Amino acid sequence: MALWITDECINCDVCEPECPNEAISMGEEIYEIDPHRCTECVGHFSEPQCVQVCPVSCIPVNPHHVETREQLVLKYERLTGRPAQVPTGAA
């Protein structure tokens, strides 16, 4: 699933530089997440970095872009050209 930024965004600028896929950019009024680039940080981190740093908790899962973990891994591999690393302890 891709994430999205709700209209509760305060444009604090902390999420954009944290995104390893460069999926976050300034929209007309608030920051936006490109669902075609968002992997919820799968392949990079164990948790979505934008969600971790957001001071107003305005970054939920986008219900219009539901994806499985496997789909997110494939998206990561397509975007980076590298195989995703399986976290330690994962099957």
N, C-alpha and C. Protein backbone atom coordinates (compact mmCIF):
# COMPACT_ATOMS: atom_id res chain seq x y z
N MET A 1 0.83 -1.17 0.00
CA MET A 1 0.00 0.00 0.00
C MET A 1 0.88 1.23 0.00
N ALA A 2 0.52 2.16 -0.76
CA ALA A 2 1.22 3.44 -0.72
C ALA A 2 0.64 4.25 0.43
N LEU A 3 1.39 5.20 0.88
CA LEU A 3 0.92 6.11 1.90
C LEU A 3 0.40 7.38 1.23
N TRP A 4 -0.29 8.22 1.99
CA TRP A 4 -0.71 9.51 1.45
C TRP A 4 -0.71 10.53 2.58
N ILE A 5 -0.65 11.78 2.22
CA ILE A 5 -0.61 12.86 3.20
C ILE A 5 -1.96 13.55 3.20
N THR A 6 -2.58 13.61 4.38
CA THR A 6 -3.90 14.21 4.49
C THR A 6 -3.81 15.73 4.57
N ASP A 7 -4.96 16.39 4.51
CA ASP A 7 -4.98 17.86 4.56
C ASP A 7 -4.66 18.41 5.94
N GLU A 8 -4.34 17.53 6.88
CA GLU A 8 -3.88 17.97 8.20
C GLU A 8 -2.39 18.35 8.16
N CYS A 9 -1.74 18.14 7.02
CA CYS A 9 -0.33 18.46 6.84
C CYS A 9 -0.09 19.94 7.15
N ILE A 10 0.99 20.21 7.89
CA ILE A 10 1.34 21.60 8.24
C ILE A 10 2.54 22.10 7.44
N ASN A 11 2.93 21.36 6.40
CA ASN A 11 4.05 21.76 5.55
C ASN A 11 5.32 22.05 6.35
N CYS A 12 5.64 21.15 7.25
CA CYS A 12 6.81 21.36 8.11
C CYS A 12 8.11 20.98 7.42
N ASP A 13 8.03 20.33 6.27
CA ASP A 13 9.20 19.99 5.46
C ASP A 13 10.05 18.84 5.99
N VAL A 14 9.62 18.11 7.01
CA VAL A 14 10.48 17.05 7.53
C VAL A 14 10.35 15.72 6.78
N CYS A 15 9.22 15.47 6.14
CA CYS A 15 9.03 14.17 5.49
C CYS A 15 9.76 14.04 4.16
N GLU A 16 9.78 15.09 3.37
CA GLU A 16 10.34 15.01 2.02
C GLU A 16 11.77 14.48 1.99
N PRO A 17 12.70 15.03 2.78
CA PRO A 17 14.08 14.52 2.70
C PRO A 17 14.26 13.11 3.27
N GLU A 18 13.29 12.63 4.04
CA GLU A 18 13.40 11.29 4.64
C GLU A 18 13.01 10.18 3.67
N CYS A 19 12.34 10.51 2.57
CA CYS A 19 11.84 9.48 1.66
C CYS A 19 12.97 8.96 0.77
N PRO A 20 13.33 7.68 0.90
CA PRO A 20 14.42 7.13 0.10
C PRO A 20 14.06 6.94 -1.38
N ASN A 21 12.76 6.97 -1.69
CA ASN A 21 12.32 6.78 -3.08
C ASN A 21 11.96 8.09 -3.78
N GLU A 22 12.17 9.19 -3.09
CA GLU A 22 11.82 10.51 -3.63
C GLU A 22 10.37 10.55 -4.09
N ALA A 23 9.49 9.94 -3.28
CA ALA A 23 8.07 9.88 -3.59
C ALA A 23 7.31 11.08 -3.06
N ILE A 24 7.92 11.87 -2.20
CA ILE A 24 7.24 13.00 -1.57
C ILE A 24 7.69 14.30 -2.22
N SER A 25 6.70 15.12 -2.58
CA SER A 25 7.01 16.43 -3.16
C SER A 25 5.90 17.41 -2.77
N MET A 26 6.20 18.69 -2.92
CA MET A 26 5.22 19.71 -2.59
C MET A 26 4.15 19.73 -3.67
N GLY A 27 2.90 19.65 -3.24
CA GLY A 27 1.77 19.77 -4.14
C GLY A 27 1.32 21.22 -4.21
N GLU A 28 0.10 21.43 -4.65
CA GLU A 28 -0.41 22.81 -4.75
C GLU A 28 -0.51 23.48 -3.39
N GLU A 29 -0.93 22.72 -2.36
CA GLU A 29 -1.09 23.31 -1.03
C GLU A 29 -0.31 22.59 0.05
N ILE A 30 -0.21 21.27 -0.07
CA ILE A 30 0.49 20.47 0.94
C ILE A 30 1.38 19.45 0.22
N TYR A 31 2.20 18.77 0.99
CA TYR A 31 3.04 17.73 0.42
C TYR A 31 2.18 16.57 -0.08
N GLU A 32 2.66 15.89 -1.09
CA GLU A 32 1.95 14.76 -1.68
C GLU A 32 2.91 13.58 -1.83
N ILE A 33 2.35 12.37 -1.85
CA ILE A 33 3.14 11.17 -2.05
C ILE A 33 2.72 10.53 -3.36
N ASP A 34 3.70 10.28 -4.22
CA ASP A 34 3.45 9.60 -5.50
C ASP A 34 3.29 8.11 -5.20
N PRO A 35 2.08 7.56 -5.39
CA PRO A 35 1.87 6.15 -5.06
C PRO A 35 2.66 5.19 -5.94
N HIS A 36 3.13 5.66 -7.07
CA HIS A 36 3.92 4.82 -7.96
C HIS A 36 5.37 4.72 -7.51
N ARG A 37 5.79 5.58 -6.57
CA ARG A 37 7.16 5.56 -6.05
C ARG A 37 7.21 5.13 -4.57
N CYS A 38 6.07 5.19 -3.88
CA CYS A 38 6.05 4.86 -2.45
C CYS A 38 6.05 3.35 -2.25
N THR A 39 7.02 2.87 -1.48
CA THR A 39 7.09 1.46 -1.10
C THR A 39 6.90 1.29 0.40
N GLU A 40 6.44 2.34 1.08
CA GLU A 40 6.35 2.35 2.54
C GLU A 40 7.70 2.02 3.15
N CYS A 41 8.76 2.37 2.45
CA CYS A 41 10.15 2.16 2.83
C CYS A 41 10.57 0.69 2.82
N VAL A 42 9.72 -0.20 2.28
CA VAL A 42 10.10 -1.60 2.11
C VAL A 42 11.35 -1.63 1.25
N GLY A 43 12.33 -2.40 1.69
CA GLY A 43 13.60 -2.50 0.98
C GLY A 43 14.65 -1.54 1.51
N HIS A 44 14.19 -0.50 2.20
CA HIS A 44 15.11 0.49 2.77
C HIS A 44 15.15 0.43 4.30
N PHE A 45 13.97 0.46 4.91
CA PHE A 45 13.84 0.53 6.36
C PHE A 45 12.71 -0.39 6.82
N SER A 46 12.66 -0.67 8.11
CA SER A 46 11.60 -1.53 8.64
C SER A 46 10.29 -0.78 8.84
N GLU A 47 10.35 0.54 8.90
CA GLU A 47 9.15 1.37 9.09
C GLU A 47 9.19 2.54 8.11
N PRO A 48 8.03 3.02 7.66
CA PRO A 48 8.01 4.20 6.79
C PRO A 48 8.62 5.41 7.51
N GLN A 49 9.64 5.98 6.92
CA GLN A 49 10.35 7.08 7.56
C GLN A 49 9.52 8.34 7.68
N CYS A 50 8.68 8.62 6.69
CA CYS A 50 7.85 9.83 6.75
C CYS A 50 6.88 9.76 7.93
N VAL A 51 6.33 8.58 8.17
CA VAL A 51 5.40 8.39 9.29
C VAL A 51 6.15 8.60 10.60
N GLN A 52 7.38 8.12 10.68
CA GLN A 52 8.18 8.24 11.89
C GLN A 52 8.47 9.69 12.27
N VAL A 53 8.69 10.56 11.26
CA VAL A 53 9.08 11.94 11.56
C VAL A 53 7.93 12.93 11.55
N CYS A 54 6.77 12.55 11.07
CA CYS A 54 5.65 13.48 10.96
C CYS A 54 5.16 13.92 12.34
N PRO A 55 5.20 15.23 12.62
CA PRO A 55 4.80 15.70 13.95
C PRO A 55 3.29 15.75 14.17
N VAL A 56 2.49 15.63 13.10
CA VAL A 56 1.03 15.71 13.24
C VAL A 56 0.33 14.42 12.85
N SER A 57 1.08 13.37 12.59
CA SER A 57 0.51 12.05 12.26
C SER A 57 -0.54 12.13 11.15
N CYS A 58 -0.15 12.73 10.03
CA CYS A 58 -1.10 12.91 8.92
C CYS A 58 -0.76 12.04 7.71
N ILE A 59 -0.07 10.91 7.93
CA ILE A 59 0.35 10.06 6.81
C ILE A 59 -0.17 8.63 7.03
N PRO A 60 -1.43 8.38 6.64
CA PRO A 60 -1.97 7.02 6.74
C PRO A 60 -1.75 6.24 5.45
N VAL A 61 -2.19 4.99 5.47
CA VAL A 61 -2.18 4.16 4.27
C VAL A 61 -3.22 4.71 3.30
N ASN A 62 -2.87 4.74 2.02
CA ASN A 62 -3.78 5.23 0.99
C ASN A 62 -4.72 4.09 0.58
N PRO A 63 -6.02 4.21 0.89
CA PRO A 63 -6.95 3.12 0.58
C PRO A 63 -7.17 2.92 -0.92
N HIS A 64 -6.74 3.87 -1.73
CA HIS A 64 -6.89 3.77 -3.18
C HIS A 64 -5.71 3.08 -3.85
N HIS A 65 -4.68 2.76 -3.09
CA HIS A 65 -3.48 2.11 -3.62
C HIS A 65 -3.05 0.97 -2.71
N VAL A 66 -3.91 -0.03 -2.59
CA VAL A 66 -3.64 -1.17 -1.73
C VAL A 66 -2.67 -2.11 -2.45
N GLU A 67 -1.56 -2.44 -1.76
CA GLU A 67 -0.55 -3.35 -2.31
C GLU A 67 -0.09 -4.30 -1.21
N THR A 68 0.27 -5.50 -1.60
CA THR A 68 0.81 -6.47 -0.65
C THR A 68 2.29 -6.15 -0.42
N ARG A 69 2.86 -6.76 0.60
CA ARG A 69 4.30 -6.58 0.85
C ARG A 69 5.10 -7.06 -0.35
N GLU A 70 4.66 -8.15 -0.97
CA GLU A 70 5.35 -8.67 -2.14
C GLU A 70 5.33 -7.65 -3.29
N GLN A 71 4.21 -6.99 -3.48
CA GLN A 71 4.12 -5.96 -4.52
C GLN A 71 5.04 -4.79 -4.20
N LEU A 72 5.13 -4.43 -2.92
CA LEU A 72 6.02 -3.34 -2.52
C LEU A 72 7.48 -3.72 -2.75
N VAL A 73 7.83 -4.98 -2.49
CA VAL A 73 9.19 -5.45 -2.74
C VAL A 73 9.50 -5.36 -4.23
N LEU A 74 8.59 -5.81 -5.07
CA LEU A 74 8.80 -5.73 -6.52
C LEU A 74 8.93 -4.28 -6.99
N LYS A 75 8.14 -3.39 -6.40
CA LYS A 75 8.24 -1.96 -6.75
C LYS A 75 9.61 -1.41 -6.35
N TYR A 76 10.06 -1.77 -5.15
CA TYR A 76 11.39 -1.37 -4.68
C TYR A 76 12.46 -1.83 -5.67
N GLU A 77 12.38 -3.10 -6.06
CA GLU A 77 13.38 -3.65 -6.98
C GLU A 77 13.33 -2.96 -8.34
N ARG A 78 12.14 -2.62 -8.81
CA ARG A 78 12.01 -1.90 -10.09
C ARG A 78 12.59 -0.49 -9.98
N LEU A 79 12.32 0.19 -8.87
CA LEU A 79 12.80 1.56 -8.69
C LEU A 79 14.30 1.65 -8.49
N THR A 80 14.87 0.67 -7.79
CA THR A 80 16.29 0.75 -7.43
C THR A 80 17.20 -0.10 -8.31
N GLY A 81 16.62 -1.11 -8.96
CA GLY A 81 17.45 -2.02 -9.74
C GLY A 81 18.24 -2.97 -8.87
N ARG A 82 17.87 -3.07 -7.58
CA ARG A 82 18.56 -3.95 -6.63
C ARG A 82 17.57 -4.90 -5.99
N PRO A 83 18.02 -6.09 -5.61
CA PRO A 83 17.11 -6.99 -4.89
C PRO A 83 16.87 -6.46 -3.47
N ALA A 84 15.67 -6.64 -3.00
CA ALA A 84 15.34 -6.21 -1.64
C ALA A 84 16.03 -7.11 -0.64
N GLN A 85 16.46 -6.55 0.45
CA GLN A 85 17.08 -7.32 1.53
C GLN A 85 15.98 -7.85 2.42
N VAL A 86 16.05 -9.13 2.76
CA VAL A 86 15.08 -9.72 3.67
C VAL A 86 15.55 -9.42 5.08
N PRO A 87 14.68 -8.79 5.92
CA PRO A 87 15.09 -8.47 7.30
C PRO A 87 15.47 -9.72 8.06
N THR A 88 16.41 -9.58 8.99
CA THR A 88 16.86 -10.70 9.82
C THR A 88 15.67 -11.26 10.59
N GLY A 89 15.55 -12.59 10.57
CA GLY A 89 14.45 -13.24 11.28
C GLY A 89 13.21 -13.42 10.43
N ALA A 90 13.17 -12.85 9.24
CA ALA A 90 12.01 -12.99 8.36
C ALA A 90 12.12 -14.29 7.58
N ALA A 91 11.00 -14.85 7.26
CA ALA A 91 11.00 -16.10 6.51
C ALA A 91 11.08 -15.85 5.03
